Amino acid sequence: MNNIKENYDLMFTSYPDLVNIQELKEMLGIGVTLAYRLVRENTIPSQKIGREYKIPKVNIIHYLMNKSA
């Protein structure tokens, strides 16, 4: 967990703590279809509020850290 905290302070500093699908796809450099699939399949945990997904930035960093391991 300490490693995630260190990366949180270094990665995606220009993004807010909660991002939407558009920001997720920018952060990961992926298309909108894959971004929706990652959140719908709970690969990257998120909350759907109304019609929009809210994704905690820490979940994206966690996904990247586990993906590269």
Protein backbone atom coordinates (compact mmCIF):
# COMPACT_ATOMS: atom_id res chain seq x y z
CA MET A 1 0.00 0.00 0.00
CA ASN A 2 2.90 2.36 0.72
CA ASN A 3 4.03 2.02 -2.90
CA ILE A 4 0.55 3.09 -4.07
CA LYS A 5 0.74 6.17 -1.83
CA GLU A 6 4.11 7.11 -3.32
CA ASN A 7 2.78 6.68 -6.85
CA TYR A 8 -0.38 8.61 -5.99
CA ASP A 9 1.79 11.60 -5.15
CA LEU A 10 3.66 11.27 -8.47
CA MET A 11 1.17 10.03 -11.05
CA PHE A 12 -1.67 11.94 -12.73
CA THR A 13 -1.19 15.02 -10.54
CA SER A 14 -3.14 17.20 -12.96
CA TYR A 15 -6.27 15.04 -12.59
CA PRO A 16 -8.82 15.29 -9.75
CA ASP A 17 -9.25 12.54 -7.15
CA LEU A 18 -12.41 11.35 -8.93
CA VAL A 19 -12.34 11.13 -12.71
CA ASN A 20 -14.92 10.34 -15.37
CA ILE A 21 -14.70 8.01 -18.38
CA GLN A 22 -13.23 10.72 -20.62
CA GLU A 23 -10.44 11.40 -18.14
CA LEU A 24 -9.86 7.66 -17.60
CA LYS A 25 -9.33 7.11 -21.29
CA GLU A 26 -6.93 10.07 -21.46
CA MET A 27 -4.97 8.78 -18.46
CA LEU A 28 -4.58 5.28 -19.88
CA GLY A 29 -4.38 6.24 -23.55
CA ILE A 30 -7.24 3.90 -24.47
CA GLY A 31 -10.49 4.15 -26.37
CA VAL A 32 -13.89 4.82 -24.89
CA THR A 33 -15.09 1.24 -25.44
CA LEU A 34 -12.24 -0.25 -23.42
CA ALA A 35 -12.66 2.40 -20.73
CA TYR A 36 -16.33 1.48 -20.29
CA ARG A 37 -15.46 -2.24 -20.28
CA LEU A 38 -12.86 -1.76 -17.52
CA VAL A 39 -15.38 -0.07 -15.23
CA ARG A 40 -18.40 -2.23 -16.13
CA GLU A 41 -16.45 -5.44 -15.45
CA ASN A 42 -15.12 -3.89 -12.20
CA THR A 43 -11.52 -4.30 -13.39
CA ILE A 44 -11.16 -0.71 -12.24
CA PRO A 45 -13.66 -0.21 -9.39
CA SER A 46 -15.95 2.79 -9.77
CA GLN A 47 -19.33 4.15 -8.77
CA LYS A 48 -22.10 5.00 -11.19
CA ILE A 49 -23.78 8.20 -10.10
CA GLY A 50 -26.75 9.02 -12.26
CA ARG A 51 -25.60 8.39 -15.81
CA GLU A 52 -21.91 8.95 -15.16
CA TYR A 53 -19.15 6.76 -13.76
CA LYS A 54 -16.90 8.24 -11.07
CA ILE A 55 -13.56 6.49 -10.82
CA PRO A 56 -11.21 7.14 -7.88
CA LYS A 57 -7.75 8.00 -9.18
CA VAL A 58 -6.22 5.62 -6.64
CA ASN A 59 -8.09 2.72 -8.32
CA ILE A 60 -6.51 3.59 -11.67
CA ILE A 61 -3.04 3.68 -10.11
CA HIS A 62 -3.73 0.36 -8.36
CA TYR A 63 -4.80 -1.14 -11.71
CA LEU A 64 -1.59 0.05 -13.37
CA MET A 65 0.60 -1.21 -10.53
CA ASN A 66 -0.96 -4.68 -10.65
CA LYS A 67 -1.01 -4.75 -14.45
CA SER A 68 2.74 -4.25 -14.69
CA ALA A 69 3.58 -6.78 -11.98
